[in-house]
Amino acid sequence: MARRNPPESMQHHLRQRLNEYAHDRWPQLDSVQVRYRAGFAYLDGVLPGGQVQPLCRLRFTGVLHTWGFAIYLASRDGYQDNTLPSGLPVGSPEEALDCACGLYLNDPTAWLTPPTN
């Protein structure tokens, strides 16, 4: 059974949400491109000059705010399921973007989770 992509309205919302977030948190990126295929959202960062950096893959779980996470591995030119800094294999799209950008934009502070009270 083929995995289904999120509804078109959800796809649009995710693109907008990630680009707004990246604008504030990741000024090194001109934009975030999001492609959908077989229930996955593929996130690419667009760098100044137009270079495209694959970042990660999100697995649609049916919920807008919770997605499965796979990091892009340049050494394998592919994606590998992974855990987020929270220790969970699922999380928000922003957590996934932070994790991938921390690696590919060389900013490990992205992996620090703020303390909870």
PDB file of N, CA and C in Angstrom:
ATOM      1  N   MET A   1       0.833  -1.178   0.000  1.00  0.00           N
ATOM      2  CA  MET A   1       0.000   0.000   0.000  1.00  0.00           C
ATOM      3  C   MET A   1       0.885   1.252   0.000  1.00  0.00           C
ATOM      4  N   ALA A   2       0.658   2.129  -0.952  1.00  0.00           N
ATOM      5  CA  ALA A   2       1.471   3.341  -1.085  1.00  0.00           C
ATOM      6  C   ALA A   2       1.114   4.347   0.009  1.00  0.00           C
ATOM      7  N   ARG A   3       2.122   5.020   0.497  1.00  0.00           N
ATOM      8  CA  ARG A   3       1.900   6.078   1.487  1.00  0.00           C
ATOM      9  C   ARG A   3       1.310   7.287   0.776  1.00  0.00           C
ATOM     10  N   ARG A   4       0.456   7.974   1.500  1.00  0.00           N
ATOM     11  CA  ARG A   4      -0.200   9.140   0.925  1.00  0.00           C
ATOM     12  C   ARG A   4       0.464  10.421   1.424  1.00  0.00           C
ATOM     13  N   ASN A   5       0.518  11.387   0.533  1.00  0.00           N
ATOM     14  CA  ASN A   5       1.008  12.708   0.911  1.00  0.00           C
ATOM     15  C   ASN A   5      -0.052  13.422   1.744  1.00  0.00           C
ATOM     16  N   PRO A   6       0.370  14.398   2.524  1.00  0.00           N
ATOM     17  CA  PRO A   6      -0.612  15.192   3.256  1.00  0.00           C
ATOM     18  C   PRO A   6      -1.498  15.956   2.265  1.00  0.00           C
ATOM     19  N   PRO A   7      -2.660  16.389   2.710  1.00  0.00           N
ATOM     20  CA  PRO A   7      -3.515  17.193   1.835  1.00  0.00           C
ATOM     21  C   PRO A   7      -2.775  18.443   1.345  1.00  0.00           C
ATOM     22  N   GLU A   8      -3.180  18.946   0.197  1.00  0.00           N
ATOM     23  CA  GLU A   8      -2.519  20.111  -0.416  1.00  0.00           C
ATOM     24  C   GLU A   8      -2.454  21.302   0.537  1.00  0.00           C
ATOM     25  N   SER A   9      -3.513  21.544   1.297  1.00  0.00           N
ATOM     26  CA  SER A   9      -3.513  22.678   2.233  1.00  0.00           C
ATOM     27  C   SER A   9      -2.444  22.498   3.308  1.00  0.00           C
ATOM     28  N   MET A  10      -2.237  21.266   3.760  1.00  0.00           N
ATOM     29  CA  MET A  10      -1.217  20.978   4.762  1.00  0.00           C
ATOM     30  C   MET A  10       0.179  21.130   4.160  1.00  0.00           C
ATOM     31  N   GLN A  11       0.345  20.732   2.913  1.00  0.00           N
ATOM     32  CA  GLN A  11       1.631  20.897   2.236  1.00  0.00           C
ATOM     33  C   GLN A  11       1.996  22.382   2.157  1.00  0.00           C
ATOM     34  N   HIS A  12       1.035  23.192   1.752  1.00  0.00           N
ATOM     35  CA  HIS A  12       1.263  24.636   1.647  1.00  0.00           C
ATOM     36  C   HIS A  12       1.612  25.219   3.022  1.00  0.00           C
ATOM     37  N   HIS A  13       0.873  24.819   4.045  1.00  0.00           N
ATOM     38  CA  HIS A  13       1.107  25.317   5.401  1.00  0.00           C
ATOM     39  C   HIS A  13       2.521  24.946   5.878  1.00  0.00           C
ATOM     40  N   LEU A  14       2.939  23.710   5.618  1.00  0.00           N
ATOM     41  CA  LEU A  14       4.274  23.285   6.059  1.00  0.00           C
ATOM     42  C   LEU A  14       5.359  24.087   5.361  1.00  0.00           C
ATOM     43  N   ARG A  15       5.228  24.292   4.052  1.00  0.00           N
ATOM     44  CA  ARG A  15       6.217  25.105   3.315  1.00  0.00           C
ATOM     45  C   ARG A  15       6.321  26.508   3.908  1.00  0.00           C
ATOM     46  N   GLN A  16       5.177  27.118   4.122  1.00  0.00           N
ATOM     47  CA  GLN A  16       5.138  28.482   4.658  1.00  0.00           C
ATOM     48  C   GLN A  16       5.732  28.520   6.066  1.00  0.00           C
ATOM     49  N   ARG A  17       5.332  27.588   6.890  1.00  0.00           N
ATOM     50  CA  ARG A  17       5.782  27.517   8.282  1.00  0.00           C
ATOM     51  C   ARG A  17       7.302  27.350   8.367  1.00  0.00           C
ATOM     52  N   LEU A  18       7.862  26.444   7.558  1.00  0.00           N
ATOM     53  CA  LEU A  18       9.303  26.198   7.596  1.00  0.00           C
ATOM     54  C   LEU A  18      10.090  27.391   7.054  1.00  0.00           C
ATOM     55  N   ASN A  19       9.588  28.037   6.022  1.00  0.00           N
ATOM     56  CA  ASN A  19      10.289  29.200   5.481  1.00  0.00           C
ATOM     57  C   ASN A  19      10.257  30.377   6.446  1.00  0.00           C
ATOM     58  N   GLU A  20       9.149  30.586   7.125  1.00  0.00           N
ATOM     59  CA  GLU A  20       9.087  31.647   8.138  1.00  0.00           C
ATOM     60  C   GLU A  20      10.055  31.354   9.282  1.00  0.00           C
ATOM     61  N   TYR A  21      10.079  30.113   9.730  1.00  0.00           N
ATOM     62  CA  TYR A  21      10.980  29.718  10.813  1.00  0.00           C
ATOM     63  C   TYR A  21      12.442  29.878  10.386  1.00  0.00           C
ATOM     64  N   ALA A  22      12.765  29.383   9.191  1.00  0.00           N
ATOM     65  CA  ALA A  22      14.150  29.453   8.708  1.00  0.00           C
ATOM     66  C   ALA A  22      14.593  30.903   8.524  1.00  0.00           C
ATOM     67  N   HIS A  23      13.690  31.760   8.116  1.00  0.00           N
ATOM     68  CA  HIS A  23      14.033  33.176   7.944  1.00  0.00           C
ATOM     69  C   HIS A  23      14.560  33.765   9.245  1.00  0.00           C
ATOM     70  N   ASP A  24      13.930  33.389  10.372  1.00  0.00           N
ATOM     71  CA  ASP A  24      14.346  33.904  11.678  1.00  0.00           C
ATOM     72  C   ASP A  24      15.526  33.148  12.277  1.00  0.00           C
ATOM     73  N   ARG A  25      15.512  31.827  12.187  1.00  0.00           N
ATOM     74  CA  ARG A  25      16.523  31.003  12.866  1.00  0.00           C
ATOM     75  C   ARG A  25      17.747  30.698  12.013  1.00  0.00           C
ATOM     76  N   TRP A  26      17.566  30.603  10.701  1.00  0.00           N
ATOM     77  CA  TRP A  26      18.659  30.196   9.815  1.00  0.00           C
ATOM     78  C   TRP A  26      18.857  31.213   8.686  1.00  0.00           C
ATOM     79  N   PRO A  27      19.370  32.406   9.030  1.00  0.00           N
ATOM     80  CA  PRO A  27      19.549  33.443   8.003  1.00  0.00           C
ATOM     81  C   PRO A  27      20.582  33.050   6.932  1.00  0.00           C
ATOM     82  N   GLN A  28      21.348  31.979   7.190  1.00  0.00           N
ATOM     83  CA  GLN A  28      22.300  31.502   6.180  1.00  0.00           C
ATOM     84  C   GLN A  28      21.583  30.919   4.964  1.00  0.00           C
ATOM     85  N   LEU A  29      20.300  30.603   5.125  1.00  0.00           N
ATOM     86  CA  LEU A  29      19.512  30.037   4.035  1.00  0.00           C
ATOM     87  C   LEU A  29      18.687  31.126   3.362  1.00  0.00           C
ATOM     88  N   ASP A  30      18.630  31.077   2.033  1.00  0.00           N
ATOM     89  CA  ASP A  30      17.717  31.963   1.309  1.00  0.00           C
ATOM     90  C   ASP A  30      16.284  31.459   1.433  1.00  0.00           C
ATOM     91  N   SER A  31      16.134  30.132   1.439  1.00  0.00           N
ATOM     92  CA  SER A  31      14.799  29.539   1.568  1.00  0.00           C
ATOM     93  C   SER A  31      14.923  28.051   1.859  1.00  0.00           C
ATOM     94  N   VAL A  32      13.783  27.456   2.159  1.00  0.00           N
ATOM     95  CA  VAL A  32      13.686  26.005   2.334  1.00  0.00           C
ATOM     96  C   VAL A  32      12.727  25.495   1.267  1.00  0.00           C
ATOM     97  N   GLN A  33      13.200  24.566   0.470  1.00  0.00           N
ATOM     98  CA  GLN A  33      12.344  23.916  -0.521  1.00  0.00           C
ATOM     99  C   GLN A  33      11.785  22.645   0.096  1.00  0.00           C
ATOM    100  N   VAL A  34      10.513  22.375  -0.154  1.00  0.00           N
ATOM    101  CA  VAL A  34       9.870  21.164   0.360  1.00  0.00           C
ATOM    102  C   VAL A  34       9.234  20.441  -0.818  1.00  0.00           C
ATOM    103  N   ARG A  35       9.645  19.192  -1.020  1.00  0.00           N
ATOM    104  CA  ARG A  35       9.077  18.336  -2.077  1.00  0.00           C
ATOM    105  C   ARG A  35       8.361  17.184  -1.392  1.00  0.00           C
ATOM    106  N   TYR A  36       7.287  16.718  -2.002  1.00  0.00           N
ATOM    107  CA  TYR A  36       6.510  15.617  -1.428  1.00  0.00           C
ATOM    108  C   TYR A  36       6.526  14.428  -2.371  1.00  0.00           C
ATOM    109  N   ARG A  37       6.689  13.250  -1.774  1.00  0.00           N
ATOM    110  CA  ARG A  37       6.653  12.014  -2.558  1.00  0.00           C
ATOM    111  C   ARG A  37       6.356  10.850  -1.628  1.00  0.00           C
ATOM    112  N   ALA A  38       5.323  10.116  -1.932  1.00  0.00           N
ATOM    113  CA  ALA A  38       4.980   8.863  -1.240  1.00  0.00           C
ATOM    114  C   ALA A  38       4.922   8.998   0.280  1.00  0.00           C
ATOM    115  N   GLY A  39       4.309  10.070   0.769  1.00  0.00           N
ATOM    116  CA  GLY A  39       4.146  10.241   2.206  1.00  0.00           C
ATOM    117  C   GLY A  39       5.332  10.870   2.911  1.00  0.00           C
ATOM    118  N   PHE A  40       6.309  11.323   2.151  1.00  0.00           N
ATOM    119  CA  PHE A  40       7.489  11.970   2.715  1.00  0.00           C
ATOM    120  C   PHE A  40       7.583  13.408   2.227  1.00  0.00           C
ATOM    121  N   ALA A  41       8.118  14.273   3.068  1.00  0.00           N
ATOM    122  CA  ALA A  41       8.450  15.643   2.697  1.00  0.00           C
ATOM    123  C   ALA A  41       9.975  15.745   2.740  1.00  0.00           C
ATOM    124  N   TYR A  42      10.564  16.116   1.627  1.00  0.00           N
ATOM    125  CA  TYR A  42      12.017  16.261   1.525  1.00  0.00           C
ATOM    126  C   TYR A  42      12.373  17.736   1.652  1.00  0.00           C
ATOM    127  N   LEU A  43      13.230  18.075   2.619  1.00  0.00           N
ATOM    128  CA  LEU A  43      13.609  19.456   2.877  1.00  0.00           C
ATOM    129  C   LEU A  43      15.003  19.715   2.333  1.00  0.00           C
ATOM    130  N   ASP A  44      15.105  20.755   1.517  1.00  0.00           N
ATOM    131  CA  ASP A  44      16.379  21.212   0.968  1.00  0.00           C
ATOM    132  C   ASP A  44      16.569  22.668   1.355  1.00  0.00           C
ATOM    133  N   GLY A  45      17.771  23.017   1.755  1.00  0.00           N
ATOM    134  CA  GLY A  45      18.091  24.411   2.024  1.00  0.00           C
ATOM    135  C   GLY A  45      18.670  25.044   0.781  1.00  0.00           C
ATOM    136  N   VAL A  46      18.205  26.241   0.450  1.00  0.00           N
ATOM    137  CA  VAL A  46      18.754  26.988  -0.677  1.00  0.00           C
ATOM    138  C   VAL A  46      19.689  28.043  -0.102  1.00  0.00           C
ATOM    139  N   LEU A  47      20.961  27.933  -0.466  1.00  0.00           N
ATOM    140  CA  LEU A  47      21.999  28.825   0.039  1.00  0.00           C
ATOM    141  C   LEU A  47      22.143  30.032  -0.884  1.00  0.00           C
ATOM    142  N   PRO A  48      22.734  31.122  -0.387  1.00  0.00           N
ATOM    143  CA  PRO A  48      23.000  32.258  -1.263  1.00  0.00           C
ATOM    144  C   PRO A  48      23.789  31.790  -2.488  1.00  0.00           C
ATOM    145  N   GLY A  49      23.422  32.275  -3.640  1.00  0.00           N
ATOM    146  CA  GLY A  49      24.059  31.828  -4.874  1.00  0.00           C
ATOM    147  C   GLY A  49      23.292  30.712  -5.546  1.00  0.00           C
ATOM    148  N   GLY A  50      22.275  30.181  -4.855  1.00  0.00           N
ATOM    149  CA  GLY A  50      21.418  29.176  -5.467  1.00  0.00           C
ATOM    150  C   GLY A  50      21.793  27.727  -5.224  1.00  0.00           C
ATOM    151  N   GLN A  51      22.902  27.465  -4.530  1.00  0.00           N
ATOM    152  CA  GLN A  51      23.271  26.080  -4.240  1.00  0.00           C
ATOM    153  C   GLN A  51      22.200  25.448  -3.348  1.00  0.00           C
ATOM    154  N   VAL A  52      21.825  24.210  -3.677  1.00  0.00           N
ATOM    155  CA  VAL A  52      20.799  23.494  -2.921  1.00  0.00           C
ATOM    156  C   VAL A  52      21.465  22.405  -2.077  1.00  0.00           C
ATOM    157  N   GLN A  53      21.173  22.421  -0.774  1.00  0.00           N
ATOM    158  CA  GLN A  53      21.725  21.442   0.162  1.00  0.00           C
ATOM    159  C   GLN A  53      20.594  20.565   0.686  1.00  0.00           C
ATOM    160  N   PRO A  54      20.567  19.267   0.323  1.00  0.00           N
ATOM    161  CA  PRO A  54      19.575  18.380   0.942  1.00  0.00           C
ATOM    162  C   PRO A  54      19.791  18.371   2.455  1.00  0.00           C
ATOM    163  N   LEU A  55      18.706  18.400   3.214  1.00  0.00           N
ATOM    164  CA  LEU A  55      18.802  18.461   4.670  1.00  0.00           C
ATOM    165  C   LEU A  55      18.227  17.229   5.353  1.00  0.00           C
ATOM    166  N   CYS A  56      16.963  16.950   5.119  1.00  0.00           N
ATOM    167  CA  CYS A  56      16.340  15.838   5.819  1.00  0.00           C
ATOM    168  C   CYS A  56      15.050  15.436   5.122  1.00  0.00           C
ATOM    169  N   ARG A  57      14.487  14.351   5.615  1.00  0.00           N
ATOM    170  CA  ARG A  57      13.215  13.838   5.109  1.00  0.00           C
ATOM    171  C   ARG A  57      12.271  13.700   6.295  1.00  0.00           C
ATOM    172  N   LEU A  58      11.061  14.173   6.118  1.00  0.00           N
ATOM    173  CA  LEU A  58      10.026  14.043   7.140  1.00  0.00           C
ATOM    174  C   LEU A  58       9.022  13.001   6.677  1.00  0.00           C
ATOM    175  N   ARG A  59       8.603  12.142   7.580  1.00  0.00           N
ATOM    176  CA  ARG A  59       7.591  11.125   7.270  1.00  0.00           C
ATOM    177  C   ARG A  59       6.252  11.607   7.813  1.00  0.00           C
ATOM    178  N   PHE A  60       5.274  11.701   6.946  1.00  0.00           N
ATOM    179  CA  PHE A  60       3.941  12.153   7.334  1.00  0.00           C
ATOM    180  C   PHE A  60       3.296  11.117   8.244  1.00  0.00           C
ATOM    181  N   THR A  61       2.869  11.567   9.429  1.00  0.00           N
ATOM    182  CA  THR A  61       2.232  10.663  10.398  1.00  0.00           C
ATOM    183  C   THR A  61       0.730  10.858  10.456  1.00  0.00           C
ATOM    184  N   GLY A  62       0.235  11.824   9.681  1.00  0.00           N
ATOM    185  CA  GLY A  62      -1.185  12.141   9.725  1.00  0.00           C
ATOM    186  C   GLY A  62      -1.487  13.332  10.612  1.00  0.00           C
ATOM    187  N   VAL A  63      -0.475  13.838  11.317  1.00  0.00           N
ATOM    188  CA  VAL A  63      -0.626  14.974  12.222  1.00  0.00           C
ATOM    189  C   VAL A  63       0.317  16.084  11.761  1.00  0.00           C
ATOM    190  N   LEU A  64      -0.196  17.296  11.648  1.00  0.00           N
ATOM    191  CA  LEU A  64       0.587  18.417  11.128  1.00  0.00           C
ATOM    192  C   LEU A  64       1.840  18.711  11.942  1.00  0.00           C
ATOM    193  N   HIS A  65       1.787  18.542  13.253  1.00  0.00           N
ATOM    194  CA  HIS A  65       2.895  18.973  14.109  1.00  0.00           C
ATOM    195  C   HIS A  65       3.862  17.861  14.498  1.00  0.00           C
ATOM    196  N   THR A  66       3.624  16.636  14.052  1.00  0.00           N
ATOM    197  CA  THR A  66       4.494  15.517  14.413  1.00  0.00           C
ATOM    198  C   THR A  66       4.857  14.728  13.159  1.00  0.00           C
ATOM    199  N   TRP A  67       6.136  14.699  12.874  1.00  0.00           N
ATOM    200  CA  TRP A  67       6.639  14.028  11.672  1.00  0.00           C
ATOM    201  C   TRP A  67       7.803  13.115  12.058  1.00  0.00           C
ATOM    202  N   GLY A  68       7.946  12.005  11.337  1.00  0.00           N
ATOM    203  CA  GLY A  68       9.123  11.156  11.495  1.00  0.00           C
ATOM    204  C   GLY A  68      10.317  11.857  10.878  1.00  0.00           C
ATOM    205  N   PHE A  69      11.511  11.490  11.308  1.00  0.00           N
ATOM    206  CA  PHE A  69      12.725  12.206  10.911  1.00  0.00           C
ATOM    207  C   PHE A  69      13.766  11.265  10.338  1.00  0.00           C
ATOM    208  N   ALA A  70      14.348  11.675   9.214  1.00  0.00           N
ATOM    209  CA  ALA A  70      15.507  10.996   8.630  1.00  0.00           C
ATOM    210  C   ALA A  70      16.473  12.075   8.160  1.00  0.00           C
ATOM    211  N   ILE A  71      17.728  11.957   8.523  1.00  0.00           N
ATOM    212  CA  ILE A  71      18.755  12.929   8.137  1.00  0.00           C
ATOM    213  C   ILE A  71      19.300  12.567   6.759  1.00  0.00           C
ATOM    214  N   TYR A  72      19.662  13.570   5.980  1.00  0.00           N
ATOM    215  CA  TYR A  72      20.334  13.325   4.707  1.00  0.00           C
ATOM    216  C   TYR A  72      21.801  13.044   5.013  1.00  0.00           C
ATOM    217  N   LEU A  73      22.322  11.977   4.446  1.00  0.00           N
ATOM    218  CA  LEU A  73      23.740  11.629   4.604  1.00  0.00           C
ATOM    219  C   LEU A  73      24.432  11.821   3.258  1.00  0.00           C
ATOM    220  N   ALA A  74      25.253  12.846   3.172  1.00  0.00           N
ATOM    221  CA  ALA A  74      25.958  13.126   1.923  1.00  0.00           C
ATOM    222  C   ALA A  74      26.860  11.963   1.527  1.00  0.00           C
ATOM    223  N   SER A  75      27.418  11.281   2.511  1.00  0.00           N
ATOM    224  CA  SER A  75      28.326  10.164   2.222  1.00  0.00           C
ATOM    225  C   SER A  75      27.624   9.018   1.510  1.00  0.00           C
ATOM    226  N   ARG A  76      26.304   8.912   1.695  1.00  0.00           N
ATOM    227  CA  ARG A  76      25.530   7.839   1.053  1.00  0.00           C
ATOM    228  C   ARG A  76      24.574   8.372  -0.003  1.00  0.00           C
ATOM    229  N   ASP A  77      24.500   9.704  -0.122  1.00  0.00           N
ATOM    230  CA  ASP A  77      23.553  10.366  -1.010  1.00  0.00           C
ATOM    231  C   ASP A  77      22.150   9.807  -0.794  1.00  0.00           C
ATOM    232  N   GLY A  78      21.789   9.716   0.485  1.00  0.00           N
ATOM    233  CA  GLY A  78      20.482   9.171   0.829  1.00  0.00           C
ATOM    234  C   GLY A  78      20.091   9.573   2.240  1.00  0.00           C
ATOM    235  N   TYR A  79      18.952   9.088   2.662  1.00  0.00           N
ATOM    236  CA  TYR A  79      18.372   9.455   3.949  1.00  0.00           C
ATOM    237  C   TYR A  79      18.399   8.256   4.887  1.00  0.00           C
ATOM    238  N   GLN A  80      18.628   8.532   6.166  1.00  0.00           N
ATOM    239  CA  GLN A  80      18.644   7.475   7.176  1.00  0.00           C
ATOM    240  C   GLN A  80      17.768   7.906   8.341  1.00  0.00           C
ATOM    241  N   ASP A  81      16.829   7.037   8.724  1.00  0.00           N
ATOM    242  CA  ASP A  81      16.006   7.331   9.895  1.00  0.00           C
ATOM    243  C   ASP A  81      16.918   7.617  11.072  1.00  0.00           C
ATOM    244  N   ASN A  82      16.540   8.596  11.870  1.00  0.00           N
ATOM    245  CA  ASN A  82      17.396   9.013  12.962  1.00  0.00           C
ATOM    246  C   ASN A  82      16.528   9.575  14.076  1.00  0.00           C
ATOM    247  N   THR A  83      17.161   9.873  15.187  1.00  0.00           N
ATOM    248  CA  THR A  83      16.456  10.509  16.300  1.00  0.00           C
ATOM    249  C   THR A  83      16.813  11.990  16.324  1.00  0.00           C
ATOM    250  N   LEU A  84      15.921  12.758  16.871  1.00  0.00           N
ATOM    251  CA  LEU A  84      16.139  14.191  17.049  1.00  0.00           C
ATOM    252  C   LEU A  84      16.893  14.415  18.357  1.00  0.00           C
ATOM    253  N   PRO A  85      17.403  15.612  18.591  1.00  0.00           N
ATOM    254  CA  PRO A  85      18.097  15.876  19.857  1.00  0.00           C
ATOM    255  C   PRO A  85      17.254  15.565  21.091  1.00  0.00           C
ATOM    256  N   SER A  86      15.936  15.550  20.953  1.00  0.00           N
ATOM    257  CA  SER A  86      15.064  15.196  22.077  1.00  0.00           C
ATOM    258  C   SER A  86      15.173  13.718  22.425  1.00  0.00           C
ATOM    259  N   GLY A  87      15.786  12.922  21.520  1.00  0.00           N
ATOM    260  CA  GLY A  87      15.885  11.485  21.717  1.00  0.00           C
ATOM    261  C   GLY A  87      14.749  10.716  21.067  1.00  0.00           C
ATOM    262  N   LEU A  88      13.809  11.427  20.478  1.00  0.00           N
ATOM    263  CA  LEU A  88      12.656  10.797  19.837  1.00  0.00           C
ATOM    264  C   LEU A  88      12.841  10.718  18.322  1.00  0.00           C
ATOM    265  N   PRO A  89      12.245   9.712  17.681  1.00  0.00           N
ATOM    266  CA  PRO A  89      12.335   9.599  16.227  1.00  0.00           C
ATOM    267  C   PRO A  89      11.296  10.455  15.503  1.00  0.00           C
ATOM    268  N   VAL A  90      10.433  11.125  16.243  1.00  0.00           N
ATOM    269  CA  VAL A  90       9.424  12.018  15.670  1.00  0.00           C
ATOM    270  C   VAL A  90       9.457  13.341  16.419  1.00  0.00           C
ATOM    271  N   GLY A  91       9.006  14.385  15.727  1.00  0.00           N
ATOM    272  CA  GLY A  91       8.960  15.701  16.354  1.00  0.00           C
ATOM    273  C   GLY A  91       8.389  16.719  15.398  1.00  0.00           C
ATOM    274  N   SER A  92       8.557  17.967  15.750  1.00  0.00           N
ATOM    275  CA  SER A  92       8.026  19.038  14.915  1.00  0.00           C
ATOM    276  C   SER A  92       8.931  19.235  13.696  1.00  0.00           C
ATOM    277  N   PRO A  93       8.382  19.786  12.631  1.00  0.00           N
ATOM    278  CA  PRO A  93       9.207  20.091  11.460  1.00  0.00           C
ATOM    279  C   PRO A  93      10.353  21.048  11.802  1.00  0.00           C
ATOM    280  N   GLU A  94      10.110  21.958  12.734  1.00  0.00           N
ATOM    281  CA  GLU A  94      11.160  22.897  13.136  1.00  0.00           C
ATOM    282  C   GLU A  94      12.308  22.180  13.841  1.00  0.00           C
ATOM    283  N   GLU A  95      11.995  21.197  14.684  1.00  0.00           N
ATOM    284  CA  GLU A  95      13.049  20.411  15.339  1.00  0.00           C
ATOM    285  C   GLU A  95      13.895  19.687  14.301  1.00  0.00           C
ATOM    286  N   ALA A  96      13.240  19.132  13.298  1.00  0.00           N
ATOM    287  CA  ALA A  96      13.953  18.410  12.241  1.00  0.00           C
ATOM    288  C   ALA A  96      14.840  19.370  11.454  1.00  0.00           C
ATOM    289  N   LEU A  97      14.309  20.535  11.115  1.00  0.00           N
ATOM    290  CA  LEU A  97      15.101  21.522  10.384  1.00  0.00           C
ATOM    291  C   LEU A  97      16.300  21.961  11.210  1.00  0.00           C
ATOM    292  N   ASP A  98      16.095  22.220  12.496  1.00  0.00           N
ATOM    293  CA  ASP A  98      17.209  22.610  13.372  1.00  0.00           C
ATOM    294  C   ASP A  98      18.284  21.526  13.425  1.00  0.00           C
ATOM    295  N   CYS A  99      17.862  20.290  13.552  1.00  0.00           N
ATOM    296  CA  CYS A  99      18.819  19.189  13.640  1.00  0.00           C
ATOM    297  C   CYS A  99      19.665  19.109  12.373  1.00  0.00           C
ATOM    298  N   ALA A 100      19.009  19.158  11.217  1.00  0.00           N
ATOM    299  CA  ALA A 100      19.729  19.056   9.943  1.00  0.00           C
ATOM    300  C   ALA A 100      20.596  20.287   9.690  1.00  0.00           C
ATOM    301  N   CYS A 101      20.067  21.467   9.970  1.00  0.00           N
ATOM    302  CA  CYS A 101      20.850  22.686   9.762  1.00  0.00           C
ATOM    303  C   CYS A 101      22.021  22.764  10.732  1.00  0.00           C
ATOM    304  N   GLY A 102      21.845  22.248  11.936  1.00  0.00           N
ATOM    305  CA  GLY A 102      22.962  22.203  12.875  1.00  0.00           C
ATOM    306  C   GLY A 102      24.140  21.457  12.293  1.00  0.00           C
ATOM    307  N   LEU A 103      23.853  20.393  11.564  1.00  0.00           N
ATOM    308  CA  LEU A 103      24.900  19.601  10.916  1.00  0.00           C
ATOM    309  C   LEU A 103      25.445  20.309   9.678  1.00  0.00           C
ATOM    310  N   TYR A 104      24.566  20.636   8.749  1.00  0.00           N
ATOM    311  CA  TYR A 104      25.018  21.138   7.452  1.00  0.00           C
ATOM    312  C   TYR A 104      25.405  22.606   7.444  1.00  0.00           C
ATOM    313  N   LEU A 105      24.958  23.390   8.426  1.00  0.00           N
ATOM    314  CA  LEU A 105      25.372  24.789   8.517  1.00  0.00           C
ATOM    315  C   LEU A 105      26.349  25.001   9.680  1.00  0.00           C
ATOM    316  N   ASN A 106      26.817  23.887  10.250  1.00  0.00           N
ATOM    317  CA  ASN A 106      27.854  23.893  11.280  1.00  0.00           C
ATOM    318  C   ASN A 106      27.489  24.764  12.485  1.00  0.00           C
ATOM    319  N   ASP A 107      26.322  24.487  13.069  1.00  0.00           N
ATOM    320  CA  ASP A 107      25.874  25.212  14.252  1.00  0.00           C
ATOM    321  C   ASP A 107      25.304  24.228  15.268  1.00  0.00           C
ATOM    322  N   PRO A 108      26.173  23.580  16.058  1.00  0.00           N
ATOM    323  CA  PRO A 108      25.703  22.573  17.003  1.00  0.00           C
ATOM    324  C   PRO A 108      24.817  23.125  18.113  1.00  0.00           C
ATOM    325  N   THR A 109      24.711  24.452  18.265  1.00  0.00           N
ATOM    326  CA  THR A 109      23.786  24.982  19.277  1.00  0.00           C
ATOM    327  C   THR A 109      22.351  24.605  18.935  1.00  0.00           C
ATOM    328  N   ALA A 110      22.106  24.246  17.685  1.00  0.00           N
ATOM    329  CA  ALA A 110      20.764  23.842  17.270  1.00  0.00           C
ATOM    330  C   ALA A 110      20.341  22.550  17.963  1.00  0.00           C
ATOM    331  N   TRP A 111      21.290  21.795  18.454  1.00  0.00           N
ATOM    332  CA  TRP A 111      20.972  20.501  19.065  1.00  0.00           C
ATOM    333  C   TRP A 111      20.704  20.604  20.551  1.00  0.00           C
ATOM    334  N   LEU A 112      20.854  21.788  21.098  1.00  0.00           N
ATOM    335  CA  LEU A 112      20.602  21.981  22.530  1.00  0.00           C
ATOM    336  C   LEU A 112      19.117  22.236  22.720  1.00  0.00           C
ATOM    337  N   THR A 113      18.528  21.468  23.613  1.00  0.00           N
ATOM    338  CA  THR A 113      17.122  21.698  23.910  1.00  0.00           C
ATOM    339  C   THR A 113      17.028  22.555  25.151  1.00  0.00           C
ATOM    340  N   PRO A 114      16.166  23.571  25.118  1.00  0.00           N
ATOM    341  CA  PRO A 114      16.054  24.432  26.310  1.00  0.00           C
ATOM    342  C   PRO A 114      15.520  23.645  27.496  1.00  0.00           C
ATOM    343  N   PRO A 115      15.949  23.994  28.699  1.00  0.00           N
ATOM    344  CA  PRO A 115      15.460  23.288  29.891  1.00  0.00           C
ATOM    345  C   PRO A 115      13.964  23.515  30.058  1.00  0.00           C
ATOM    346  N   THR A 116      13.292  22.509  30.575  1.00  0.00           N
ATOM    347  CA  THR A 116      11.869  22.638  30.871  1.00  0.00           C
ATOM    348  C   THR A 116      11.702  22.829  32.368  1.00  0.00           C
ATOM    349  N   ASN A 117      10.754  23.624  32.754  1.00  0.00           N
ATOM    350  CA  ASN A 117      10.506  23.872  34.184  1.00  0.00           C
ATOM    351  C   ASN A 117       9.449  22.935  34.710  1.00  0.00           C
TER     352      ASN A 117
END
